[in-house]
Amino acid sequence: MQNNSDYVRRKQAAEYLQAQYGAFTAQTLAKLACVGGGPVFQKMGRMVLYKPADLDAWATARMSAPVASTAELSA
């Protein structure tokens, strides 16, 4: 059985992403939940719930590999 603290609501998910990565708002997460491409989530009734580990996995998957210069990104 999982602990309730393992889940965060959308506003807290956005705050977590802002604190960890400096990006993404609750509005962005809401839009991505509709059109796709966002982090995985679960629903309990109307409430959307995210796991911080899923937020981390999604955010890091959007990052490039480490580079020494921007020229390496187009190579």
C-alpha atoms as a PDB file:
ATOM      1  CA  MET A   1       0.000   0.000   0.000  1.00  0.00           C
ATOM      2  CA  GLN A   2       1.314   3.426  -0.909  1.00  0.00           C
ATOM      3  CA  ASN A   3       1.473   6.430   1.357  1.00  0.00           C
ATOM      4  CA  ASN A   4      -0.571   9.526   0.406  1.00  0.00           C
ATOM      5  CA  SER A   5       2.608  11.611   0.634  1.00  0.00           C
ATOM      6  CA  ASP A   6       3.858   9.705  -2.426  1.00  0.00           C
ATOM      7  CA  TYR A   7       1.459  11.791  -4.538  1.00  0.00           C
ATOM      8  CA  VAL A   8       1.175  15.510  -5.243  1.00  0.00           C
ATOM      9  CA  ARG A   9      -1.611  17.450  -6.890  1.00  0.00           C
ATOM     10  CA  ARG A  10      -1.030  19.452 -10.073  1.00  0.00           C
ATOM     11  CA  LYS A  11      -0.219  22.749  -8.344  1.00  0.00           C
ATOM     12  CA  GLN A  12       2.309  21.051  -6.070  1.00  0.00           C
ATOM     13  CA  ALA A  13       3.712  19.131  -9.062  1.00  0.00           C
ATOM     14  CA  ALA A  14       4.340  22.412 -10.871  1.00  0.00           C
ATOM     15  CA  GLU A  15       5.947  23.902  -7.749  1.00  0.00           C
ATOM     16  CA  TYR A  16       8.165  20.821  -7.480  1.00  0.00           C
ATOM     17  CA  LEU A  17       9.230  21.089 -11.136  1.00  0.00           C
ATOM     18  CA  GLN A  18       9.923  24.816 -10.716  1.00  0.00           C
ATOM     19  CA  ALA A  19      12.067  24.156  -7.634  1.00  0.00           C
ATOM     20  CA  GLN A  20      13.981  21.244  -9.188  1.00  0.00           C
ATOM     21  CA  TYR A  21      14.294  22.344 -12.838  1.00  0.00           C
ATOM     22  CA  GLY A  22      13.136  25.970 -13.048  1.00  0.00           C
ATOM     23  CA  ALA A  23      10.418  25.143 -15.555  1.00  0.00           C
ATOM     24  CA  PHE A  24       6.779  24.200 -16.074  1.00  0.00           C
ATOM     25  CA  THR A  25       3.568  25.602 -14.654  1.00  0.00           C
ATOM     26  CA  ALA A  26       0.315  24.037 -13.531  1.00  0.00           C
ATOM     27  CA  GLN A  27      -1.274  25.353 -16.751  1.00  0.00           C
ATOM     28  CA  THR A  28       1.381  23.616 -18.846  1.00  0.00           C
ATOM     29  CA  LEU A  29       0.821  20.346 -16.994  1.00  0.00           C
ATOM     30  CA  ALA A  30      -2.949  20.680 -17.492  1.00  0.00           C
ATOM     31  CA  LYS A  31      -2.545  21.262 -21.226  1.00  0.00           C
ATOM     32  CA  LEU A  32      -0.116  18.360 -21.597  1.00  0.00           C
ATOM     33  CA  ALA A  33      -2.544  16.113 -19.719  1.00  0.00           C
ATOM     34  CA  CYS A  34      -5.079  16.861 -22.480  1.00  0.00           C
ATOM     35  CA  VAL A  35      -2.885  16.794 -25.579  1.00  0.00           C
ATOM     36  CA  GLY A  36      -0.234  14.330 -24.423  1.00  0.00           C
ATOM     37  CA  GLY A  37       3.467  14.592 -23.878  1.00  0.00           C
ATOM     38  CA  GLY A  38       3.360  15.352 -20.168  1.00  0.00           C
ATOM     39  CA  PRO A  39       4.319  13.313 -17.151  1.00  0.00           C
ATOM     40  CA  VAL A  40       2.227  10.270 -16.284  1.00  0.00           C
ATOM     41  CA  PHE A  41      -0.473  10.844 -13.685  1.00  0.00           C
ATOM     42  CA  GLN A  42      -3.322   9.103 -11.970  1.00  0.00           C
ATOM     43  CA  LYS A  43      -6.824  10.314 -11.217  1.00  0.00           C
ATOM     44  CA  MET A  44      -8.869   9.947  -8.083  1.00  0.00           C
ATOM     45  CA  GLY A  45     -12.269  11.288  -9.007  1.00  0.00           C
ATOM     46  CA  ARG A  46     -11.594  14.673 -10.567  1.00  0.00           C
ATOM     47  CA  MET A  47      -8.269  15.055  -8.781  1.00  0.00           C
ATOM     48  CA  VAL A  48      -5.064  14.583 -10.808  1.00  0.00           C
ATOM     49  CA  LEU A  49      -2.168  13.088  -8.860  1.00  0.00           C
ATOM     50  CA  TYR A  50       1.510  12.855  -9.776  1.00  0.00           C
ATOM     51  CA  LYS A  51       4.385  10.962  -8.182  1.00  0.00           C
ATOM     52  CA  PRO A  52       7.565  13.037  -7.753  1.00  0.00           C
ATOM     53  CA  ALA A  53       9.615  10.166  -9.232  1.00  0.00           C
ATOM     54  CA  ASP A  54       7.458  10.303 -12.396  1.00  0.00           C
ATOM     55  CA  LEU A  55       7.930  14.082 -12.578  1.00  0.00           C
ATOM     56  CA  ASP A  56      11.705  13.625 -12.329  1.00  0.00           C
ATOM     57  CA  ALA A  57      11.718  10.903 -14.998  1.00  0.00           C
ATOM     58  CA  TRP A  58       9.670  13.063 -17.364  1.00  0.00           C
ATOM     59  CA  ALA A  59      11.755  16.212 -16.819  1.00  0.00           C
ATOM     60  CA  THR A  60      15.101  14.463 -17.227  1.00  0.00           C
ATOM     61  CA  ALA A  61      13.889  12.712 -20.390  1.00  0.00           C
ATOM     62  CA  ARG A  62      13.349  16.173 -21.910  1.00  0.00           C
ATOM     63  CA  MET A  63      16.970  17.201 -21.261  1.00  0.00           C
ATOM     64  CA  SER A  64      19.791  16.950 -23.759  1.00  0.00           C
ATOM     65  CA  ALA A  65      22.932  14.985 -23.093  1.00  0.00           C
ATOM     66  CA  PRO A  66      25.688  17.005 -21.380  1.00  0.00           C
ATOM     67  CA  VAL A  67      27.488  19.274 -23.857  1.00  0.00           C
ATOM     68  CA  ALA A  68      30.431  21.660 -23.687  1.00  0.00           C
ATOM     69  CA  SER A  69      28.984  24.096 -26.251  1.00  0.00           C
ATOM     70  CA  THR A  70      25.771  24.742 -28.119  1.00  0.00           C
ATOM     71  CA  ALA A  71      27.505  23.687 -31.347  1.00  0.00           C
ATOM     72  CA  GLU A  72      27.418  20.114 -30.075  1.00  0.00           C
ATOM     73  CA  LEU A  73      23.621  20.166 -29.961  1.00  0.00           C
ATOM     74  CA  SER A  74      23.246  20.489 -33.748  1.00  0.00           C
ATOM     75  CA  ALA A  75      25.922  17.922 -34.563  1.00  0.00           C
END
